[in-house]
Amino acid sequence: MDIKLNFINQSNDLNNSQIVVFQKNTASDFDELSVAWKIIKNCGQGDNHPFTFPMTMAVGASDSYGNYTPQLPAQNSQLFHVSLTGSGDTLSLAGPGTSSKEVQLRNDLDKGAINASIYKDGRVLATKTSIAPGQKAVFEFKPTLWIGAVSQVVEGQVMNSAIMSDVNTEISLLGIASADIIMTGGGPGVGSTALKFSLENIVMA
């Protein structure tokens, strides 16, 4: 079931901050960089920005020749692979994976690295690059979103570690059908406080 969220700017922020929303791939290295899944721009004081966070996801791959596969619906516990067929490099479901909590994608080409991506709502949620033949990418996500105010971030691209270290608000979506994400704080001068994000008006699924 899709989760309906509504970002509301109740802050004193005068910097017209960009708000980034993303998930972290918990199946991989602790220091892996995350992708900016959604950017909210120009949302002024008192404005709101509704968006949907779907439970469904898709997987896609690209190869060293610059080809991109179609996106395939993906669920936890599934293993996909890229293999060479009569028509060229092809992404397909290979069967069950080795973990019920992960989506896995294996490079079964004889040569050439691939990149693997997970998509939600048509946007890139996570990416693993340079997967060598015989290797696989693993993706696992907790039912949480990370949200923060950032600058110089492009939707769908990997964020650098300095930006990610500035984002420290993790919101649990477990069992939630809809909620408002309220941004407060900020403002000019010495009395300003850090921007805060909290869930309100929560409707449970």
C-alpha atoms as a PDB file:
ATOM      1  CA  MET A   1       0.000   0.000   0.000  1.00  0.00           C
ATOM      2  CA  ASP A   2       1.289   3.451  -0.871  1.00  0.00           C
ATOM      3  CA  ILE A   3       1.996   5.889   1.965  1.00  0.00           C
ATOM      4  CA  LYS A   4       0.623   9.384   1.448  1.00  0.00           C
ATOM      5  CA  LEU A   5       2.874  12.074   2.905  1.00  0.00           C
ATOM      6  CA  ASN A   6       2.479  15.845   3.026  1.00  0.00           C
ATOM      7  CA  PHE A   7       5.502  18.053   3.661  1.00  0.00           C
ATOM      8  CA  ILE A   8       4.499  21.331   5.377  1.00  0.00           C
ATOM      9  CA  ASN A   9       6.896  24.245   5.850  1.00  0.00           C
ATOM     10  CA  GLN A  10       6.153  25.825   9.242  1.00  0.00           C
ATOM     11  CA  SER A  11       9.729  26.998   9.714  1.00  0.00           C
ATOM     12  CA  ASN A  12      11.339  30.441   9.898  1.00  0.00           C
ATOM     13  CA  ASP A  13      13.823  29.445   7.202  1.00  0.00           C
ATOM     14  CA  LEU A  14      14.613  32.331   4.854  1.00  0.00           C
ATOM     15  CA  ASN A  15      17.255  30.472   2.824  1.00  0.00           C
ATOM     16  CA  ASN A  16      14.737  28.706   0.553  1.00  0.00           C
ATOM     17  CA  SER A  17      16.412  25.445   1.479  1.00  0.00           C
ATOM     18  CA  GLN A  18      16.071  22.374  -0.701  1.00  0.00           C
ATOM     19  CA  ILE A  19      14.596  19.434   1.182  1.00  0.00           C
ATOM     20  CA  VAL A  20      15.934  15.991   0.311  1.00  0.00           C
ATOM     21  CA  VAL A  21      14.124  12.714   1.008  1.00  0.00           C
ATOM     22  CA  PHE A  22      15.947   9.391   0.642  1.00  0.00           C
ATOM     23  CA  GLN A  23      16.454   5.878   1.969  1.00  0.00           C
ATOM     24  CA  LYS A  24      19.694   4.155   2.915  1.00  0.00           C
ATOM     25  CA  ASN A  25      20.644   0.766   1.527  1.00  0.00           C
ATOM     26  CA  THR A  26      21.308  -1.124   4.767  1.00  0.00           C
ATOM     27  CA  ALA A  27      22.550  -4.278   3.001  1.00  0.00           C
ATOM     28  CA  SER A  28      25.861  -2.710   2.076  1.00  0.00           C
ATOM     29  CA  ASP A  29      28.829  -0.921   3.559  1.00  0.00           C
ATOM     30  CA  PHE A  30      28.103   1.500   6.340  1.00  0.00           C
ATOM     31  CA  ASP A  31      29.664   4.391   4.444  1.00  0.00           C
ATOM     32  CA  GLU A  32      27.875   3.839   1.150  1.00  0.00           C
ATOM     33  CA  LEU A  33      26.543   7.074  -0.325  1.00  0.00           C
ATOM     34  CA  SER A  34      22.805   7.412  -0.861  1.00  0.00           C
ATOM     35  CA  VAL A  35      20.839   8.737  -3.822  1.00  0.00           C
ATOM     36  CA  ALA A  36      18.677  11.859  -3.534  1.00  0.00           C
ATOM     37  CA  TRP A  37      15.340  10.134  -4.198  1.00  0.00           C
ATOM     38  CA  LYS A  38      13.191  13.269  -4.005  1.00  0.00           C
ATOM     39  CA  ILE A  39      14.016  16.977  -3.812  1.00  0.00           C
ATOM     40  CA  ILE A  40      11.420  19.531  -2.651  1.00  0.00           C
ATOM     41  CA  LYS A  41      12.232  23.024  -3.955  1.00  0.00           C
ATOM     42  CA  ASN A  42      10.815  26.528  -3.471  1.00  0.00           C
ATOM     43  CA  CYS A  43       8.327  25.379  -0.820  1.00  0.00           C
ATOM     44  CA  GLY A  44       7.796  28.683   0.998  1.00  0.00           C
ATOM     45  CA  GLN A  45       6.642  29.367   4.534  1.00  0.00           C
ATOM     46  CA  GLY A  46       3.144  27.975   5.002  1.00  0.00           C
ATOM     47  CA  ASP A  47       3.334  25.999   1.748  1.00  0.00           C
ATOM     48  CA  ASN A  48       2.869  22.250   1.584  1.00  0.00           C
ATOM     49  CA  HIS A  49       4.067  19.581  -0.842  1.00  0.00           C
ATOM     50  CA  PRO A  50       2.121  16.296  -0.976  1.00  0.00           C
ATOM     51  CA  PHE A  51       3.865  13.198  -2.309  1.00  0.00           C
ATOM     52  CA  THR A  52       3.457   9.446  -2.305  1.00  0.00           C
ATOM     53  CA  PHE A  53       5.947   6.879  -1.062  1.00  0.00           C
ATOM     54  CA  PRO A  54       5.027   3.592  -2.746  1.00  0.00           C
ATOM     55  CA  MET A  55       5.671   0.208  -1.170  1.00  0.00           C
ATOM     56  CA  THR A  56       6.358  -1.275  -4.604  1.00  0.00           C
ATOM     57  CA  MET A  57       9.771  -0.971  -6.245  1.00  0.00           C
ATOM     58  CA  ALA A  58      11.477  -1.818  -9.496  1.00  0.00           C
ATOM     59  CA  VAL A  59      14.967  -2.898 -10.488  1.00  0.00           C
ATOM     60  CA  GLY A  60      16.983  -1.847 -13.530  1.00  0.00           C
ATOM     61  CA  ALA A  61      20.519  -2.224 -14.820  1.00  0.00           C
ATOM     62  CA  SER A  62      22.905  -0.546 -17.232  1.00  0.00           C
ATOM     63  CA  ASP A  63      25.958  -2.070 -18.878  1.00  0.00           C
ATOM     64  CA  SER A  64      29.418  -0.866 -19.834  1.00  0.00           C
ATOM     65  CA  TYR A  65      28.155  -0.071 -23.353  1.00  0.00           C
ATOM     66  CA  GLY A  66      25.747   2.555 -22.026  1.00  0.00           C
ATOM     67  CA  ASN A  67      22.614   0.415 -22.484  1.00  0.00           C
ATOM     68  CA  TYR A  68      19.780   0.582 -19.956  1.00  0.00           C
ATOM     69  CA  THR A  69      17.388  -2.302 -19.338  1.00  0.00           C
ATOM     70  CA  PRO A  70      13.654  -1.882 -18.814  1.00  0.00           C
ATOM     71  CA  GLN A  71      12.665  -1.631 -15.151  1.00  0.00           C
ATOM     72  CA  LEU A  72      11.190  -4.841 -13.729  1.00  0.00           C
ATOM     73  CA  PRO A  73       8.887  -5.011 -10.674  1.00  0.00           C
ATOM     74  CA  ALA A  74      10.960  -6.274  -7.745  1.00  0.00           C
ATOM     75  CA  GLN A  75      10.204  -7.666  -4.306  1.00  0.00           C
ATOM     76  CA  ASN A  76      12.364  -8.643  -1.356  1.00  0.00           C
ATOM     77  CA  SER A  77      13.729 -12.204  -1.623  1.00  0.00           C
ATOM     78  CA  GLN A  78      14.045 -12.023  -5.433  1.00  0.00           C
ATOM     79  CA  LEU A  79      17.281 -12.505  -7.388  1.00  0.00           C
ATOM     80  CA  PHE A  80      17.651 -10.864 -10.806  1.00  0.00           C
ATOM     81  CA  HIS A  81      20.521 -11.217 -13.229  1.00  0.00           C
ATOM     82  CA  VAL A  82      21.940  -9.621 -16.363  1.00  0.00           C
ATOM     83  CA  SER A  83      22.955 -12.177 -18.977  1.00  0.00           C
ATOM     84  CA  LEU A  84      23.868 -12.189 -22.643  1.00  0.00           C
ATOM     85  CA  THR A  85      21.008 -13.444 -24.819  1.00  0.00           C
ATOM     86  CA  GLY A  86      20.507 -13.621 -28.561  1.00  0.00           C
ATOM     87  CA  SER A  87      19.377  -9.986 -28.538  1.00  0.00           C
ATOM     88  CA  GLY A  88      22.156  -8.674 -26.276  1.00  0.00           C
ATOM     89  CA  ASP A  89      22.441  -7.961 -22.558  1.00  0.00           C
ATOM     90  CA  THR A  90      19.121  -8.733 -20.818  1.00  0.00           C
ATOM     91  CA  LEU A  91      17.802  -8.274 -17.269  1.00  0.00           C
ATOM     92  CA  SER A  92      15.527 -11.033 -16.001  1.00  0.00           C
ATOM     93  CA  LEU A  93      14.315 -12.728 -12.827  1.00  0.00           C
ATOM     94  CA  ALA A  94      16.674 -15.565 -11.882  1.00  0.00           C
ATOM     95  CA  GLY A  95      14.653 -16.975  -8.973  1.00  0.00           C
ATOM     96  CA  PRO A  96      14.712 -16.637  -5.190  1.00  0.00           C
ATOM     97  CA  GLY A  97      17.629 -14.817  -3.597  1.00  0.00           C
ATOM     98  CA  THR A  98      19.643 -15.811  -0.532  1.00  0.00           C
ATOM     99  CA  SER A  99      17.864 -13.343   1.802  1.00  0.00           C
ATOM    100  CA  SER A 100      14.168 -12.681   2.366  1.00  0.00           C
ATOM    101  CA  LYS A 101      14.947  -9.023   3.168  1.00  0.00           C
ATOM    102  CA  GLU A 102      16.943  -8.163   0.051  1.00  0.00           C
ATOM    103  CA  VAL A 103      16.562  -7.585  -3.671  1.00  0.00           C
ATOM    104  CA  GLN A 104      19.655  -9.021  -5.364  1.00  0.00           C
ATOM    105  CA  LEU A 105      21.034  -8.465  -8.869  1.00  0.00           C
ATOM    106  CA  ARG A 106      23.891 -10.612 -10.219  1.00  0.00           C
ATOM    107  CA  ASN A 107      26.137  -9.910 -13.189  1.00  0.00           C
ATOM    108  CA  ASP A 108      26.129 -13.127 -15.242  1.00  0.00           C
ATOM    109  CA  LEU A 109      27.904 -11.609 -18.242  1.00  0.00           C
ATOM    110  CA  ASP A 110      31.219 -13.092 -19.358  1.00  0.00           C
ATOM    111  CA  LYS A 111      32.808  -9.653 -19.423  1.00  0.00           C
ATOM    112  CA  GLY A 112      31.950  -6.056 -18.603  1.00  0.00           C
ATOM    113  CA  ALA A 113      30.743  -4.463 -15.364  1.00  0.00           C
ATOM    114  CA  ILE A 114      27.139  -3.373 -14.808  1.00  0.00           C
ATOM    115  CA  ASN A 115      25.353  -0.831 -12.635  1.00  0.00           C
ATOM    116  CA  ALA A 116      22.219  -1.806 -10.712  1.00  0.00           C
ATOM    117  CA  SER A 117      19.489   0.559  -9.502  1.00  0.00           C
ATOM    118  CA  ILE A 118      16.317   0.332  -7.436  1.00  0.00           C
ATOM    119  CA  TYR A 119      13.452   2.670  -8.374  1.00  0.00           C
ATOM    120  CA  LYS A 120      10.434   3.896  -6.424  1.00  0.00           C
ATOM    121  CA  ASP A 121       7.758   6.030  -8.065  1.00  0.00           C
ATOM    122  CA  GLY A 122       9.882   6.050 -11.235  1.00  0.00           C
ATOM    123  CA  ARG A 123      12.826   7.730  -9.491  1.00  0.00           C
ATOM    124  CA  VAL A 124      16.179   6.217  -8.543  1.00  0.00           C
ATOM    125  CA  LEU A 125      16.200   5.162  -4.877  1.00  0.00           C
ATOM    126  CA  ALA A 126      19.593   3.420  -4.699  1.00  0.00           C
ATOM    127  CA  THR A 127      22.438   2.504  -7.045  1.00  0.00           C
ATOM    128  CA  LYS A 128      25.385   0.120  -7.000  1.00  0.00           C
ATOM    129  CA  THR A 129      28.038   0.719  -9.643  1.00  0.00           C
ATOM    130  CA  SER A 130      30.783  -1.359 -11.249  1.00  0.00           C
ATOM    131  CA  ILE A 131      29.475  -4.833 -10.451  1.00  0.00           C
ATOM    132  CA  ALA A 132      31.958  -7.233 -12.015  1.00  0.00           C
ATOM    133  CA  PRO A 133      30.971 -10.512 -13.715  1.00  0.00           C
ATOM    134  CA  GLY A 134      30.030 -13.080 -11.070  1.00  0.00           C
ATOM    135  CA  GLN A 135      29.390 -10.380  -8.461  1.00  0.00           C
ATOM    136  CA  LYS A 136      25.995  -9.227  -7.229  1.00  0.00           C
ATOM    137  CA  ALA A 137      24.447  -6.067  -5.841  1.00  0.00           C
ATOM    138  CA  VAL A 138      22.249  -6.359  -2.758  1.00  0.00           C
ATOM    139  CA  PHE A 139      19.586  -3.882  -1.674  1.00  0.00           C
ATOM    140  CA  GLU A 140      17.797  -3.808   1.678  1.00  0.00           C
ATOM    141  CA  PHE A 141      15.744  -0.933   3.084  1.00  0.00           C
ATOM    142  CA  LYS A 142      14.274  -0.327   6.508  1.00  0.00           C
ATOM    143  CA  PRO A 143      10.740   1.184   6.547  1.00  0.00           C
ATOM    144  CA  THR A 144      12.192   4.625   7.226  1.00  0.00           C
ATOM    145  CA  LEU A 145      12.882   7.833   5.338  1.00  0.00           C
ATOM    146  CA  TRP A 146      15.733  10.254   5.870  1.00  0.00           C
ATOM    147  CA  ILE A 147      14.921  13.936   5.401  1.00  0.00           C
ATOM    148  CA  GLY A 148      16.933  17.129   5.694  1.00  0.00           C
ATOM    149  CA  ALA A 149      17.666  20.584   4.313  1.00  0.00           C
ATOM    150  CA  VAL A 150      20.474  20.610   1.747  1.00  0.00           C
ATOM    151  CA  SER A 151      21.919  22.611  -1.123  1.00  0.00           C
ATOM    152  CA  GLN A 152      23.543  21.711  -4.421  1.00  0.00           C
ATOM    153  CA  VAL A 153      21.861  18.331  -4.646  1.00  0.00           C
ATOM    154  CA  VAL A 154      20.418  16.817  -7.842  1.00  0.00           C
ATOM    155  CA  GLU A 155      17.476  14.426  -7.725  1.00  0.00           C
ATOM    156  CA  GLY A 156      18.454  10.922  -8.794  1.00  0.00           C
ATOM    157  CA  GLN A 157      22.170  11.453  -8.200  1.00  0.00           C
ATOM    158  CA  VAL A 158      24.439  10.206  -5.438  1.00  0.00           C
ATOM    159  CA  MET A 159      25.008  12.682  -2.591  1.00  0.00           C
ATOM    160  CA  ASN A 160      28.466  13.275  -1.172  1.00  0.00           C
ATOM    161  CA  SER A 161      29.376  12.313   2.379  1.00  0.00           C
ATOM    162  CA  ALA A 162      29.459  15.913   3.633  1.00  0.00           C
ATOM    163  CA  ILE A 163      25.834  16.430   2.603  1.00  0.00           C
ATOM    164  CA  MET A 164      24.749  13.099   4.052  1.00  0.00           C
ATOM    165  CA  SER A 165      26.392  13.878   7.392  1.00  0.00           C
ATOM    166  CA  ASP A 166      24.191  16.994   7.621  1.00  0.00           C
ATOM    167  CA  VAL A 167      21.004  14.928   7.312  1.00  0.00           C
ATOM    168  CA  ASN A 168      20.279  13.244  10.624  1.00  0.00           C
ATOM    169  CA  THR A 169      16.482  12.963  10.792  1.00  0.00           C
ATOM    170  CA  GLU A 170      15.198   9.420  10.282  1.00  0.00           C
ATOM    171  CA  ILE A 171      11.402   8.997  10.154  1.00  0.00           C
ATOM    172  CA  SER A 172       9.759   5.613  10.659  1.00  0.00           C
ATOM    173  CA  LEU A 173       6.955   4.749   8.230  1.00  0.00           C
ATOM    174  CA  LEU A 174       6.130   1.427   9.891  1.00  0.00           C
ATOM    175  CA  GLY A 175       2.374   0.847   9.815  1.00  0.00           C
ATOM    176  CA  ILE A 176       1.606   4.350   8.554  1.00  0.00           C
ATOM    177  CA  ALA A 177      -1.000   5.045   5.848  1.00  0.00           C
ATOM    178  CA  SER A 178      -0.585   8.829   5.762  1.00  0.00           C
ATOM    179  CA  ALA A 179       1.073  11.616   7.743  1.00  0.00           C
ATOM    180  CA  ASP A 180       2.228  15.219   7.606  1.00  0.00           C
ATOM    181  CA  ILE A 181       5.969  15.951   7.768  1.00  0.00           C
ATOM    182  CA  ILE A 182       6.248  19.292   9.573  1.00  0.00           C
ATOM    183  CA  MET A 183       9.398  21.389   9.232  1.00  0.00           C
ATOM    184  CA  THR A 184      10.002  23.890  12.051  1.00  0.00           C
ATOM    185  CA  GLY A 185      12.923  25.962  13.343  1.00  0.00           C
ATOM    186  CA  GLY A 186      15.395  27.952  11.319  1.00  0.00           C
ATOM    187  CA  GLY A 187      15.343  31.698  10.965  1.00  0.00           C
ATOM    188  CA  PRO A 188      17.769  34.636  10.846  1.00  0.00           C
ATOM    189  CA  GLY A 189      20.119  35.866  13.518  1.00  0.00           C
ATOM    190  CA  VAL A 190      21.678  34.425  16.637  1.00  0.00           C
ATOM    191  CA  GLY A 191      18.373  33.160  18.007  1.00  0.00           C
ATOM    192  CA  SER A 192      17.772  30.795  15.126  1.00  0.00           C
ATOM    193  CA  THR A 193      17.506  27.065  15.761  1.00  0.00           C
ATOM    194  CA  ALA A 194      18.234  24.084  13.564  1.00  0.00           C
ATOM    195  CA  LEU A 195      15.526  22.947  11.191  1.00  0.00           C
ATOM    196  CA  LYS A 196      13.503  20.098  12.671  1.00  0.00           C
ATOM    197  CA  PHE A 197      11.265  17.533  10.970  1.00  0.00           C
ATOM    198  CA  SER A 198       8.487  15.655  12.741  1.00  0.00           C
ATOM    199  CA  LEU A 199       5.530  13.463  11.807  1.00  0.00           C
ATOM    200  CA  GLU A 200       2.083  14.729  12.746  1.00  0.00           C
ATOM    201  CA  ASN A 201      -1.538  13.830  11.913  1.00  0.00           C
ATOM    202  CA  ILE A 202      -0.506  10.209  11.539  1.00  0.00           C
ATOM    203  CA  VAL A 203      -3.097   7.778  10.173  1.00  0.00           C
ATOM    204  CA  MET A 204      -2.158   4.143  10.758  1.00  0.00           C
ATOM    205  CA  ALA A 205      -2.696   1.554   8.053  1.00  0.00           C
END
